[in-house]
């Protein structure tokens, strides 16, 4: 059965690919955006999360919401105000969607939301399943509040799915572009100890996860949206360098140097999150890219 789907955060790397993939699968797609714009293969509606305003017509006939909206966590330094904005953009947007569903009595049956592996915090070599629990620190707190806001609308009539997304590999956008830049200019080196685990995933697999959750009602609850074989930062750095034919310096970038450059954001490449993808595999999801080298070769082909 084909669905009528409303997507938030549709202008990001995942959202843009997801719109086209859903359209190609025969689904009807609408998007919520802050500014009026034309988006191919989608009907556009406006909202303002901070003013808690939303076009009620956006939910007409919608049976599935895919919630990707949230301020970019890595494009500005983490001042106190910026951190609150990062949280509010996620929490208030989820709350606004649930409020609109209730007020319009729309036929939404499925609510699929992004989350992030930051939920677990810095956990060393511990193997992390969806039951491992959260931790301390800004990222963990942000993800916990984010997921709690999504769960606020839970009811017997609403299926909720949350994907804790890892380091997304995609061409020219996202974290890979930032990590690749110093390597391409011959100053690439592992960050910190280099031993911290980085759960990665190809953008095409993320898109397919959301489609699977739309089309397969057995998906329920939280999933680690990461490839089955996470790698260390050192392994990731060397793999990128090999793929683009660049050397890697034999030294590591000290944590204090990263902190001088990035401030509190320096925690992003330094936390260690050794996630398990077993729950996704048990659900029947088939990864297109299970090995890092294959994923990078596809991106840089």
Protein backbone atom coordinates (compact mmCIF):
# COMPACT_ATOMS: atom_id res chain seq x y z
CA UNK A 1 0.00 0.00 0.00
CA UNK A 2 1.35 3.44 -0.95
CA UNK A 3 1.53 6.11 1.73
CA UNK A 4 1.00 9.85 2.01
CA UNK A 5 4.10 11.06 3.80
CA UNK A 6 5.03 14.37 5.44
CA UNK A 7 8.76 15.02 5.87
CA UNK A 8 10.43 17.64 8.06
CA UNK A 9 14.08 18.60 7.60
CA UNK A 10 13.75 17.63 3.95
CA UNK A 11 16.42 20.01 2.65
CA UNK A 12 19.32 18.13 4.27
CA UNK A 13 21.44 15.42 2.66
CA UNK A 14 19.24 12.56 3.84
CA UNK A 15 15.97 14.40 3.25
CA UNK A 16 16.69 15.28 -0.37
CA UNK A 17 17.56 11.71 -1.26
CA UNK A 18 14.62 10.37 0.73
CA UNK A 19 12.07 12.48 -1.15
CA UNK A 20 13.19 11.10 -4.51
CA UNK A 21 13.38 7.52 -3.26
CA UNK A 22 9.89 7.63 -1.74
CA UNK A 23 8.51 9.23 -4.91
CA UNK A 24 10.12 6.52 -7.03
CA UNK A 25 8.47 3.91 -4.78
CA UNK A 26 5.07 5.44 -5.56
CA UNK A 27 4.49 7.30 -2.30
CA UNK A 28 3.00 10.80 -2.22
CA UNK A 29 5.36 13.22 -0.44
CA UNK A 30 4.80 16.57 1.28
CA UNK A 31 7.39 18.57 3.19
CA UNK A 32 7.41 21.14 5.98
CA UNK A 33 9.94 23.92 5.57
CA UNK A 34 10.68 27.32 7.10
CA UNK A 35 10.89 29.18 3.78
CA UNK A 36 8.73 29.00 0.69
CA UNK A 37 10.59 27.03 -1.98
CA UNK A 38 9.98 24.61 -4.81
CA UNK A 39 10.99 21.01 -4.08
CA UNK A 40 10.82 18.48 -6.88
CA UNK A 41 8.45 15.55 -6.30
CA UNK A 42 6.91 17.12 -3.18
CA UNK A 43 4.17 19.50 -2.02
CA UNK A 44 5.55 22.25 0.23
CA UNK A 45 3.97 23.63 3.42
CA UNK A 46 5.35 26.19 5.86
CA UNK A 47 5.97 26.10 9.60
CA UNK A 48 7.86 28.04 12.25
CA UNK A 49 9.00 25.83 15.09
CA UNK A 50 10.07 28.63 17.43
CA UNK A 51 6.77 30.47 17.01
CA UNK A 52 4.93 27.12 17.21
CA UNK A 53 3.13 27.84 13.94
CA UNK A 54 2.24 25.20 11.35
CA UNK A 55 0.02 25.05 8.28
CA UNK A 56 -2.77 22.66 9.38
CA UNK A 57 -3.33 21.67 5.75
CA UNK A 58 0.02 19.87 5.78
CA UNK A 59 -1.57 16.93 7.63
CA UNK A 60 -4.55 16.46 5.34
CA UNK A 61 -4.60 12.80 4.32
CA UNK A 62 -1.14 12.15 5.83
CA UNK A 63 -0.67 8.70 7.35
CA UNK A 64 3.12 8.83 7.94
CA UNK A 65 5.44 11.52 9.31
CA UNK A 66 9.21 11.35 8.86
CA UNK A 67 10.79 13.82 11.27
CA UNK A 68 14.34 14.87 10.36
CA UNK A 69 14.26 18.53 11.43
CA UNK A 70 16.87 20.00 13.75
CA UNK A 71 19.58 22.64 13.73
CA UNK A 72 22.96 21.47 12.41
CA UNK A 73 25.06 20.56 15.44
CA UNK A 74 28.41 21.23 13.74
CA UNK A 75 28.05 24.45 11.76
CA UNK A 76 28.48 26.92 14.66
CA UNK A 77 30.42 26.91 17.92
CA UNK A 78 28.57 25.65 20.98
CA UNK A 79 27.73 28.73 22.97
CA UNK A 80 25.11 28.36 25.69
CA UNK A 81 22.54 29.91 23.36
CA UNK A 82 23.49 27.68 20.42
CA UNK A 83 23.23 24.51 22.50
CA UNK A 84 19.75 25.49 23.65
CA UNK A 85 18.78 26.19 20.03
CA UNK A 86 20.01 22.75 18.98
CA UNK A 87 17.82 21.16 21.66
CA UNK A 88 14.78 23.38 21.06
CA UNK A 89 14.80 22.80 17.31
CA UNK A 90 14.39 19.07 17.94
CA UNK A 91 12.13 19.03 20.98
CA UNK A 92 9.80 21.87 19.99
CA UNK A 93 9.39 20.55 16.44
CA UNK A 94 8.33 17.12 17.66
CA UNK A 95 5.94 18.68 20.16
CA UNK A 96 4.45 20.92 17.46
CA UNK A 97 3.83 17.94 15.18
CA UNK A 98 2.07 15.98 17.92
CA UNK A 99 -0.01 19.01 18.82
CA UNK A 100 -1.04 19.47 15.18
CA UNK A 101 -1.95 15.79 14.84
CA UNK A 102 -4.21 16.03 17.88
CA UNK A 103 -5.83 19.35 16.92
CA UNK A 104 -6.54 18.38 13.31
CA UNK A 105 -7.45 14.77 14.17
CA UNK A 106 -5.34 13.73 11.21
CA UNK A 107 -5.07 10.06 10.20
CA UNK A 108 -1.35 9.74 11.06
CA UNK A 109 -0.58 6.15 11.99
CA UNK A 110 3.24 6.17 11.85
CA UNK A 111 5.76 8.66 13.24
CA UNK A 112 9.38 7.95 12.22
CA UNK A 113 12.05 10.18 13.74
CA UNK A 114 15.75 10.70 13.42
CA UNK A 115 17.86 10.58 16.57
CA UNK A 116 21.62 10.13 16.94
CA UNK A 117 24.24 7.84 18.46
CA UNK A 118 25.18 10.78 20.64
CA UNK A 119 22.44 9.36 22.89
CA UNK A 120 25.02 6.96 24.37
CA UNK A 121 27.72 9.50 25.15
CA UNK A 122 31.40 8.50 25.34
CA UNK A 123 31.42 4.76 26.15
CA UNK A 124 34.89 3.49 25.18
CA UNK A 125 34.88 -0.09 23.88
CA UNK A 126 31.49 -1.03 25.36
CA UNK A 127 29.25 -2.67 22.76
CA UNK A 128 26.10 -0.58 22.67
CA UNK A 129 22.66 -1.97 21.92
CA UNK A 130 19.42 -0.02 21.90
CA UNK A 131 18.95 -1.06 25.55
CA UNK A 132 22.31 0.28 26.75
CA UNK A 133 20.85 3.50 28.13
CA UNK A 134 21.95 7.09 27.83
CA UNK A 135 24.87 8.89 29.46
CA UNK A 136 25.96 12.37 30.56
CA UNK A 137 27.05 15.36 28.53
CA UNK A 138 25.37 17.71 26.09
CA UNK A 139 24.93 15.29 23.18
CA UNK A 140 23.42 12.57 25.35
CA UNK A 141 21.07 15.06 27.02
CA UNK A 142 20.02 16.50 23.66
CA UNK A 143 19.23 13.09 22.18
CA UNK A 144 17.36 11.97 25.30
CA UNK A 145 15.15 15.08 25.27
CA UNK A 146 14.67 14.66 21.51
CA UNK A 147 13.49 11.07 21.83
CA UNK A 148 11.31 11.87 24.84
CA UNK A 149 9.54 14.57 22.82
CA UNK A 150 8.88 12.06 20.04
CA UNK A 151 7.51 9.56 22.58
CA UNK A 152 5.16 12.15 24.11
CA UNK A 153 2.69 11.45 21.32
CA UNK A 154 2.72 7.70 21.78
CA UNK A 155 -0.66 5.99 21.66
CA UNK A 156 -2.05 2.58 20.68
CA UNK A 157 -2.96 4.11 17.30
CA UNK A 158 0.45 5.63 16.56
CA UNK A 159 3.48 3.52 15.65
CA UNK A 160 6.74 5.26 16.62
CA UNK A 161 10.16 4.42 15.16
CA UNK A 162 13.41 6.19 16.10
CA UNK A 163 16.70 5.80 14.24
CA UNK A 164 19.87 6.66 16.19
CA UNK A 165 21.97 7.72 13.22
CA UNK A 166 25.75 7.41 13.15
CA UNK A 167 28.39 9.15 11.02
CA UNK A 168 26.71 9.46 7.62
CA UNK A 169 28.93 8.99 4.57
CA UNK A 170 27.76 11.07 1.63
CA UNK A 171 29.38 12.97 -1.20
CA UNK A 172 30.18 16.67 -0.67
CA UNK A 173 27.97 17.06 2.41
CA UNK A 174 27.94 16.25 6.11
CA UNK A 175 30.78 15.11 8.34
CA UNK A 176 32.68 13.23 5.65
CA UNK A 177 33.39 16.43 3.72
CA UNK A 178 34.81 18.04 6.87
CA UNK A 179 36.93 15.01 7.71
CA UNK A 180 38.18 14.66 4.16
CA UNK A 181 39.33 18.27 3.71
CA UNK A 182 42.60 18.18 5.73
CA UNK A 183 43.40 14.75 4.29
CA UNK A 184 42.98 16.04 0.75
CA UNK A 185 45.37 18.91 1.54
CA UNK A 186 48.01 16.51 2.89
CA UNK A 187 47.55 17.35 6.59
CA UNK A 188 45.34 14.41 7.57
CA UNK A 189 45.97 12.61 10.87
CA UNK A 190 43.95 10.60 13.39
CA UNK A 191 42.17 12.70 16.00
CA UNK A 192 42.89 12.31 19.70
CA UNK A 193 43.93 8.76 20.52
CA UNK A 194 42.47 7.55 17.22
CA UNK A 195 41.07 4.56 19.10
CA UNK A 196 37.57 5.99 19.56
CA UNK A 197 34.87 4.00 17.78
CA UNK A 198 32.99 5.71 14.95
CA UNK A 199 29.72 4.09 13.86
CA UNK A 200 29.41 4.95 10.17
CA UNK A 201 26.64 4.40 7.62
CA UNK A 202 26.28 5.11 3.89
CA UNK A 203 23.60 7.69 3.12
CA UNK A 204 21.84 5.26 0.77
CA UNK A 205 21.43 2.78 3.63
CA UNK A 206 19.96 5.51 5.87
CA UNK A 207 17.43 6.34 3.16
CA UNK A 208 16.54 2.66 2.79
CA UNK A 209 16.07 2.34 6.56
CA UNK A 210 13.44 5.07 6.56
CA UNK A 211 11.71 3.50 3.55
CA UNK A 212 11.74 0.10 5.26
CA UNK A 213 10.16 1.64 8.37
CA UNK A 214 7.47 3.27 6.20
CA UNK A 215 6.60 0.12 4.30
CA UNK A 216 7.08 -2.52 7.00
CA UNK A 217 4.80 -2.08 10.05
CA UNK A 218 6.88 -4.53 12.09
CA UNK A 219 9.44 -1.76 12.67
CA UNK A 220 8.74 -0.38 16.13
CA UNK A 221 10.79 1.45 18.73
CA UNK A 222 14.48 2.42 18.55
CA UNK A 223 17.21 1.21 16.16
CA UNK A 224 20.92 1.92 15.89
CA UNK A 225 21.13 3.27 12.32
CA UNK A 226 24.75 2.27 11.72
CA UNK A 227 26.55 -0.28 9.58
CA UNK A 228 27.34 -3.61 11.27
CA UNK A 229 31.09 -2.98 11.55
CA UNK A 230 32.04 0.32 13.24
CA UNK A 231 35.67 1.41 12.90
CA UNK A 232 38.08 3.49 14.94
CA UNK A 233 38.83 7.09 14.01
CA UNK A 234 42.32 6.04 12.94
CA UNK A 235 40.94 3.34 10.64
CA UNK A 236 38.40 5.76 9.17
CA UNK A 237 41.07 8.42 8.56
CA UNK A 238 43.39 5.96 6.83
CA UNK A 239 40.57 4.51 4.74
CA UNK A 240 39.55 7.95 3.46
CA UNK A 241 43.18 8.77 2.69
CA UNK A 242 43.66 5.53 0.79
CA UNK A 243 40.48 6.06 -1.23
CA UNK A 244 41.47 9.58 -2.35
CA UNK A 245 45.14 8.64 -2.70
CA UNK A 246 46.60 10.79 0.05
CA UNK A 247 49.07 10.05 2.88
CA UNK A 248 48.27 10.20 6.59
CA UNK A 249 50.68 11.77 9.05
CA UNK A 250 52.14 9.31 11.59
CA UNK A 251 51.23 11.66 14.45
CA UNK A 252 47.85 12.22 16.10
CA UNK A 253 46.07 15.55 16.57
CA UNK A 254 46.02 16.11 20.37
CA UNK A 255 42.67 16.63 22.07
CA UNK A 256 43.77 20.02 23.40
CA UNK A 257 44.54 21.23 19.87
CA UNK A 258 41.07 20.18 18.74
CA UNK A 259 39.57 21.99 21.71
CA UNK A 260 41.48 25.17 20.79
CA UNK A 261 40.07 24.99 17.26
CA UNK A 262 36.54 23.72 17.89
CA UNK A 263 35.82 24.65 21.49
CA UNK A 264 33.22 22.43 23.14
CA UNK A 265 32.40 20.94 19.73
CA UNK A 266 35.71 19.07 19.88
CA UNK A 267 33.83 16.27 21.64
CA UNK A 268 32.15 15.35 18.33
CA UNK A 269 35.06 13.44 16.74
CA UNK A 270 36.41 12.23 20.09
CA UNK A 271 33.53 10.31 21.65
CA UNK A 272 33.71 6.54 21.31
CA UNK A 273 30.47 4.76 20.42
CA UNK A 274 30.78 1.07 19.55
CA UNK A 275 27.23 0.38 18.37
CA UNK A 276 25.58 -2.89 17.43
CA UNK A 277 23.35 -3.13 14.34
CA UNK A 278 21.94 -6.51 15.35
CA UNK A 279 18.41 -5.24 15.98
CA UNK A 280 18.20 -3.85 12.45
CA UNK A 281 19.57 -7.07 11.01
CA UNK A 282 17.06 -9.08 13.03
CA UNK A 283 14.30 -6.89 11.58
CA UNK A 284 15.35 -8.10 8.12
CA UNK A 285 17.08 -4.94 6.96
CA UNK A 286 19.65 -5.61 4.25
CA UNK A 287 22.57 -3.20 4.17
CA UNK A 288 23.91 -2.23 0.78
CA UNK A 289 27.25 -1.31 2.33
CA UNK A 290 28.54 -3.32 5.28
CA UNK A 291 32.25 -2.60 4.78
CA UNK A 292 33.78 0.87 4.98
CA UNK A 293 36.01 0.47 1.93
CA UNK A 294 33.04 -0.40 -0.30
CA UNK A 295 31.07 2.59 0.98
CA UNK A 296 33.95 5.02 0.37
CA UNK A 297 34.68 3.58 -3.08
CA UNK A 298 31.04 4.19 -4.04
CA UNK A 299 31.10 7.77 -2.78
CA UNK A 300 34.37 8.69 -4.49
CA UNK A 301 33.93 6.64 -7.64
